PDB file of N, CA and C in Angstrom:
ATOM      1  N   MET A   1     -17.632 -37.680 111.261  1.00  0.00           N
ATOM      2  CA  MET A   1     -16.290 -38.146 110.965  1.00  0.00           C
ATOM      3  C   MET A   1     -16.161 -38.307 109.455  1.00  0.00           C
ATOM      4  N   ILE A   2     -14.965 -38.022 108.957  1.00  0.00           N
ATOM      5  CA  ILE A   2     -14.693 -38.261 107.543  1.00  0.00           C
ATOM      6  C   ILE A   2     -13.619 -39.333 107.425  1.00  0.00           C
ATOM      7  N   GLU A   3     -13.732 -40.123 106.381  1.00  0.00           N
ATOM      8  CA  GLU A   3     -12.768 -41.203 106.162  1.00  0.00           C
ATOM      9  C   GLU A   3     -11.590 -40.691 105.351  1.00  0.00           C
ATOM     10  N   VAL A   4     -10.386 -41.042 105.804  1.00  0.00           N
ATOM     11  CA  VAL A   4      -9.163 -40.754 105.065  1.00  0.00           C
ATOM     12  C   VAL A   4      -8.339 -42.036 105.016  1.00  0.00           C
ATOM     13  N   THR A   5      -7.360 -42.064 104.138  1.00  0.00           N
ATOM     14  CA  THR A   5      -6.517 -43.236 103.987  1.00  0.00           C
ATOM     15  C   THR A   5      -5.074 -42.861 104.290  1.00  0.00           C
ATOM     16  N   ARG A   6      -4.496 -43.550 105.244  1.00  0.00           N
ATOM     17  CA  ARG A   6      -3.084 -43.319 105.543  1.00  0.00           C
ATOM     18  C   ARG A   6      -2.235 -43.868 104.403  1.00  0.00           C
ATOM     19  N   LEU A   7      -0.978 -43.484 104.351  1.00  0.00           N
ATOM     20  CA  LEU A   7      -0.103 -43.925 103.272  1.00  0.00           C
ATOM     21  C   LEU A   7       0.080 -45.435 103.229  1.00  0.00           C
ATOM     22  N   ASN A   8      -0.104 -46.102 104.373  1.00  0.00           N
ATOM     23  CA  ASN A   8       0.039 -47.561 104.399  1.00  0.00           C
ATOM     24  C   ASN A   8      -1.237 -48.272 103.940  1.00  0.00           C
ATOM     25  N   GLY A   9      -2.257 -47.503 103.529  1.00  0.00           N
ATOM     26  CA  GLY A   9      -3.494 -48.076 103.013  1.00  0.00           C
ATOM     27  C   GLY A   9      -4.588 -48.276 104.042  1.00  0.00           C
ATOM     28  N   LYS A  10      -4.286 -48.058 105.316  1.00  0.00           N
ATOM     29  CA  LYS A  10      -5.299 -48.242 106.357  1.00  0.00           C
ATOM     30  C   LYS A  10      -6.257 -47.054 106.387  1.00  0.00           C
ATOM     31  N   LYS A  11      -7.541 -47.385 106.590  1.00  0.00           N
ATOM     32  CA  LYS A  11      -8.573 -46.356 106.698  1.00  0.00           C
ATOM     33  C   LYS A  11      -8.529 -45.744 108.094  1.00  0.00           C
ATOM     34  N   TYR A  12      -8.866 -44.475 108.160  1.00  0.00           N
ATOM     35  CA  TYR A  12      -8.813 -43.729 109.401  1.00  0.00           C
ATOM     36  C   TYR A  12      -9.957 -42.724 109.348  1.00  0.00           C
ATOM     37  N   TRP A  13     -10.585 -42.455 110.469  1.00  0.00           N
ATOM     38  CA  TRP A  13     -11.686 -41.495 110.505  1.00  0.00           C
ATOM     39  C   TRP A  13     -11.291 -40.315 111.376  1.00  0.00           C
ATOM     40  N   VAL A  14     -11.554 -39.130 110.869  1.00  0.00           N
ATOM     41  CA  VAL A  14     -11.139 -37.891 111.529  1.00  0.00           C
ATOM     42  C   VAL A  14     -12.361 -37.008 111.740  1.00  0.00           C
ATOM     43  N   ASN A  15     -12.422 -36.374 112.896  1.00  0.00           N
ATOM     44  CA  ASN A  15     -13.449 -35.374 113.143  1.00  0.00           C
ATOM     45  C   ASN A  15     -13.016 -34.113 112.390  1.00  0.00           C
ATOM     46  N   PRO A  16     -13.747 -33.705 111.363  1.00  0.00           N
ATOM     47  CA  PRO A  16     -13.307 -32.557 110.567  1.00  0.00           C
ATOM     48  C   PRO A  16     -13.263 -31.243 111.345  1.00  0.00           C
ATOM     49  N   HIS A  17     -13.979 -31.182 112.470  1.00  0.00           N
ATOM     50  CA  HIS A  17     -13.937 -29.972 113.297  1.00  0.00           C
ATOM     51  C   HIS A  17     -12.595 -29.840 114.016  1.00  0.00           C
ATOM     52  N   GLN A  18     -11.813 -30.911 114.025  1.00  0.00           N
ATOM     53  CA  GLN A  18     -10.512 -30.896 114.689  1.00  0.00           C
ATOM     54  C   GLN A  18      -9.363 -30.602 113.738  1.00  0.00           C
ATOM     55  N   ILE A  19      -9.655 -30.444 112.439  1.00  0.00           N
ATOM     56  CA  ILE A  19      -8.605 -30.146 111.470  1.00  0.00           C
ATOM     57  C   ILE A  19      -8.301 -28.656 111.521  1.00  0.00           C
ATOM     58  N   GLU A  20      -7.061 -28.342 111.859  1.00  0.00           N
ATOM     59  CA  GLU A  20      -6.637 -26.940 111.952  1.00  0.00           C
ATOM     60  C   GLU A  20      -6.122 -26.439 110.614  1.00  0.00           C
ATOM     61  N   SER A  21      -5.338 -27.286 109.930  1.00  0.00           N
ATOM     62  CA  SER A  21      -4.794 -26.899 108.633  1.00  0.00           C
ATOM     63  C   SER A  21      -4.457 -28.137 107.827  1.00  0.00           C
ATOM     64  N   MET A  22      -4.171 -27.883 106.542  1.00  0.00           N
ATOM     65  CA  MET A  22      -3.844 -28.966 105.634  1.00  0.00           C
ATOM     66  C   MET A  22      -2.755 -28.437 104.702  1.00  0.00           C
ATOM     67  N   GLU A  23      -1.724 -29.247 104.475  1.00  0.00           N
ATOM     68  CA  GLU A  23      -0.688 -28.821 103.538  1.00  0.00           C
ATOM     69  C   GLU A  23      -0.285 -29.993 102.655  1.00  0.00           C
ATOM     70  N   GLN A  24       0.224 -29.652 101.477  1.00  0.00           N
ATOM     71  CA  GLN A  24       0.621 -30.675 100.522  1.00  0.00           C
ATOM     72  C   GLN A  24       2.062 -30.409 100.113  1.00  0.00           C
ATOM     73  N   ASN A  25       2.939 -31.410 100.382  1.00  0.00           N
ATOM     74  CA  ASN A  25       4.354 -31.236 100.040  1.00  0.00           C
ATOM     75  C   ASN A  25       5.126 -32.545  99.996  1.00  0.00           C
ATOM     76  N   PRO A  26       5.049 -33.461  99.112  1.00  0.00           N
ATOM     77  CA  PRO A  26       3.972 -33.669  98.154  1.00  0.00           C
ATOM     78  C   PRO A  26       2.772 -34.383  98.764  1.00  0.00           C
ATOM     79  N   ASP A  27       2.971 -35.114  99.876  1.00  0.00           N
ATOM     80  CA  ASP A  27       1.831 -35.792 100.511  1.00  0.00           C
ATOM     81  C   ASP A  27       1.001 -34.783 101.296  1.00  0.00           C
ATOM     82  N   VAL A  28      -0.269 -35.090 101.453  1.00  0.00           N
ATOM     83  CA  VAL A  28      -1.173 -34.207 102.201  1.00  0.00           C
ATOM     84  C   VAL A  28      -1.060 -34.528 103.689  1.00  0.00           C
ATOM     85  N   THR A  29      -0.804 -33.492 104.471  1.00  0.00           N
ATOM     86  CA  THR A  29      -0.691 -33.625 105.918  1.00  0.00           C
ATOM     87  C   THR A  29      -1.786 -32.804 106.580  1.00  0.00           C
ATOM     88  N   LEU A  30      -2.573 -33.472 107.426  1.00  0.00           N
ATOM     89  CA  LEU A  30      -3.603 -32.794 108.204  1.00  0.00           C
ATOM     90  C   LEU A  30      -3.029 -32.491 109.580  1.00  0.00           C
ATOM     91  N   ALA A  31      -3.095 -31.240 109.987  1.00  0.00           N
ATOM     92  CA  ALA A  31      -2.673 -30.847 111.330  1.00  0.00           C
ATOM     93  C   ALA A  31      -3.940 -30.676 112.157  1.00  0.00           C
ATOM     94  N   LEU A  32      -4.018 -31.414 113.262  1.00  0.00           N
ATOM     95  CA  LEU A  32      -5.191 -31.359 114.120  1.00  0.00           C
ATOM     96  C   LEU A  32      -4.984 -30.368 115.257  1.00  0.00           C
ATOM     97  N   LEU A  33      -6.060 -29.929 115.862  1.00  0.00           N
ATOM     98  CA  LEU A  33      -5.986 -28.983 116.978  1.00  0.00           C
ATOM     99  C   LEU A  33      -5.185 -29.540 118.148  1.00  0.00           C
ATOM    100  N   SER A  34      -5.139 -30.861 118.264  1.00  0.00           N
ATOM    101  CA  SER A  34      -4.398 -31.509 119.344  1.00  0.00           C
ATOM    102  C   SER A  34      -2.882 -31.442 119.137  1.00  0.00           C
ATOM    103  N   GLY A  35      -2.470 -31.045 117.925  1.00  0.00           N
ATOM    104  CA  GLY A  35      -1.047 -31.023 117.608  1.00  0.00           C
ATOM    105  C   GLY A  35      -0.607 -32.232 116.810  1.00  0.00           C
ATOM    106  N   LYS A  36      -1.470 -33.232 116.749  1.00  0.00           N
ATOM    107  CA  LYS A  36      -1.168 -34.447 115.988  1.00  0.00           C
ATOM    108  C   LYS A  36      -1.223 -34.138 114.498  1.00  0.00           C
ATOM    109  N   LYS A  37      -0.371 -34.813 113.720  1.00  0.00           N
ATOM    110  CA  LYS A  37      -0.379 -34.658 112.269  1.00  0.00           C
ATOM    111  C   LYS A  37      -0.619 -36.018 111.638  1.00  0.00           C
ATOM    112  N   ILE A  38      -1.437 -36.031 110.585  1.00  0.00           N
ATOM    113  CA  ILE A  38      -1.781 -37.262 109.884  1.00  0.00           C
ATOM    114  C   ILE A  38      -1.475 -37.065 108.406  1.00  0.00           C
ATOM    115  N   VAL A  39      -0.672 -37.960 107.840  1.00  0.00           N
ATOM    116  CA  VAL A  39      -0.357 -37.917 106.416  1.00  0.00           C
ATOM    117  C   VAL A  39      -1.318 -38.863 105.704  1.00  0.00           C
ATOM    118  N   VAL A  40      -2.001 -38.352 104.668  1.00  0.00           N
ATOM    119  CA  VAL A  40      -3.044 -39.127 103.995  1.00  0.00           C
ATOM    120  C   VAL A  40      -2.827 -39.151 102.486  1.00  0.00           C
ATOM    121  N   LYS A  41      -3.486 -40.137 101.843  1.00  0.00           N
ATOM    122  CA  LYS A  41      -3.393 -40.299 100.389  1.00  0.00           C
ATOM    123  C   LYS A  41      -4.291 -39.335  99.623  1.00  0.00           C
ATOM    124  N   GLU A  42      -5.388 -38.913 100.229  1.00  0.00           N
ATOM    125  CA  GLU A  42      -6.358 -38.077  99.531  1.00  0.00           C
ATOM    126  C   GLU A  42      -5.771 -36.709  99.183  1.00  0.00           C
ATOM    127  N   SER A  43      -6.334 -36.123  98.128  1.00  0.00           N
ATOM    128  CA  SER A  43      -5.934 -34.771  97.725  1.00  0.00           C
ATOM    129  C   SER A  43      -6.644 -33.753  98.617  1.00  0.00           C
ATOM    130  N   PRO A  44      -6.146 -32.516  98.658  1.00  0.00           N
ATOM    131  CA  PRO A  44      -6.842 -31.480  99.431  1.00  0.00           C
ATOM    132  C   PRO A  44      -8.291 -31.303  98.962  1.00  0.00           C
ATOM    133  N   GLU A  45      -8.509 -31.393  97.659  1.00  0.00           N
ATOM    134  CA  GLU A  45      -9.853 -31.235  97.114  1.00  0.00           C
ATOM    135  C   GLU A  45     -10.792 -32.338  97.610  1.00  0.00           C
ATOM    136  N   GLU A  46     -10.287 -33.573  97.696  1.00  0.00           N
ATOM    137  CA  GLU A  46     -11.102 -34.679  98.210  1.00  0.00           C
ATOM    138  C   GLU A  46     -11.453 -34.463  99.677  1.00  0.00           C
ATOM    139  N   ILE A  47     -10.478 -34.008 100.452  1.00  0.00           N
ATOM    140  CA  ILE A  47     -10.715 -33.756 101.881  1.00  0.00           C
ATOM    141  C   ILE A  47     -11.774 -32.671 102.042  1.00  0.00           C
ATOM    142  N   ILE A  48     -11.640 -31.593 101.298  1.00  0.00           N
ATOM    143  CA  ILE A  48     -12.604 -30.492 101.381  1.00  0.00           C
ATOM    144  C   ILE A  48     -13.989 -30.969 100.981  1.00  0.00           C
ATOM    145  N   GLU A  49     -14.079 -31.758  99.915  1.00  0.00           N
ATOM    146  CA  GLU A  49     -15.369 -32.288  99.480  1.00  0.00           C
ATOM    147  C   GLU A  49     -16.010 -33.148 100.565  1.00  0.00           C
ATOM    148  N   ARG A  50     -15.218 -33.969 101.234  1.00  0.00           N
ATOM    149  CA  ARG A  50     -15.740 -34.826 102.304  1.00  0.00           C
ATOM    150  C   ARG A  50     -16.219 -33.992 103.489  1.00  0.00           C
ATOM    151  N   ILE A  51     -15.506 -32.915 103.777  1.00  0.00           N
ATOM    152  CA  ILE A  51     -15.913 -32.032 104.877  1.00  0.00           C
ATOM    153  C   ILE A  51     -17.248 -31.367 104.542  1.00  0.00           C
ATOM    154  N   VAL A  52     -17.390 -30.891 103.313  1.00  0.00           N
ATOM    155  CA  VAL A  52     -18.639 -30.246 102.888  1.00  0.00           C
ATOM    156  C   VAL A  52     -19.796 -31.229 102.989  1.00  0.00           C
ATOM    157  N   ILE A  53     -19.611 -32.453 102.499  1.00  0.00           N
ATOM    158  CA  ILE A  53     -20.657 -33.491 102.567  1.00  0.00           C
ATOM    159  C   ILE A  53     -21.015 -33.777 104.020  1.00  0.00           C
ATOM    160  N   TYR A  54     -20.001 -33.904 104.879  1.00  0.00           N
ATOM    161  CA  TYR A  54     -20.225 -34.167 106.302  1.00  0.00           C
ATOM    162  C   TYR A  54     -21.055 -33.050 106.932  1.00  0.00           C
ATOM    163  N   ARG A  55     -20.669 -31.809 106.651  1.00  0.00           N
ATOM    164  CA  ARG A  55     -21.382 -30.681 107.257  1.00  0.00           C
ATOM    165  C   ARG A  55     -22.821 -30.588 106.761  1.00  0.00           C
ATOM    166  N   LYS A  56     -23.049 -30.932 105.506  1.00  0.00           N
ATOM    167  CA  LYS A  56     -24.422 -30.955 105.001  1.00  0.00           C
ATOM    168  C   LYS A  56     -25.243 -32.013 105.712  1.00  0.00           C
ATOM    169  N   LYS A  57     -24.622 -33.168 105.979  1.00  0.00           N
ATOM    170  CA  LYS A  57     -25.327 -34.248 106.663  1.00  0.00           C
ATOM    171  C   LYS A  57     -25.763 -33.849 108.068  1.00  0.00           C
ATOM    172  N   ILE A  58     -24.929 -33.059 108.743  1.00  0.00           N
ATOM    173  CA  ILE A  58     -25.266 -32.691 110.125  1.00  0.00           C
ATOM    174  C   ILE A  58     -25.949 -31.324 110.186  1.00  0.00           C
ATOM    175  N   GLY A  59     -26.291 -30.769 109.024  1.00  0.00           N
ATOM    176  CA  GLY A  59     -27.044 -29.506 108.994  1.00  0.00           C
ATOM    177  C   GLY A  59     -26.220 -28.277 109.196  1.00  0.00           C
ATOM    178  N   MET A  60     -24.959 -28.302 108.772  1.00  0.00           N
ATOM    179  CA  MET A  60     -24.085 -27.139 108.934  1.00  0.00           C
ATOM    180  C   MET A  60     -23.715 -26.528 107.592  1.00  0.00           C
ATOM    181  N   GLN A  61     -24.574 -26.639 106.588  1.00  0.00           N
ATOM    182  CA  GLN A  61     -24.244 -26.140 105.272  1.00  0.00           C
ATOM    183  C   GLN A  61     -24.081 -24.625 105.231  1.00  0.00           C
ATOM    184  N   GLU A  62     -24.527 -23.932 106.251  1.00  0.00           N
ATOM    185  CA  GLU A  62     -24.418 -22.478 106.300  1.00  0.00           C
ATOM    186  C   GLU A  62     -23.009 -22.012 106.658  1.00  0.00           C
ATOM    187  N   LEU A  63     -22.140 -22.900 107.141  1.00  0.00           N
ATOM    188  CA  LEU A  63     -20.793 -22.494 107.567  1.00  0.00           C
ATOM    189  C   LEU A  63     -19.890 -22.200 106.419  1.00  0.00           C
TER     190      LEU A  63
END
């Protein structure tokens, strides 16, 4: 799971394998495979960095 921050300041944890897409306009919105969308404070670069760190931790650095 990766930690993200909703616009109201609350922390939220997301399974990065469930993220289908990410868009910024101007807030970053994560679209999940379930169809749910989450608007977060983090930049796309921060989200990507957290996903890379997560995958390295679980041994998926080859992806």
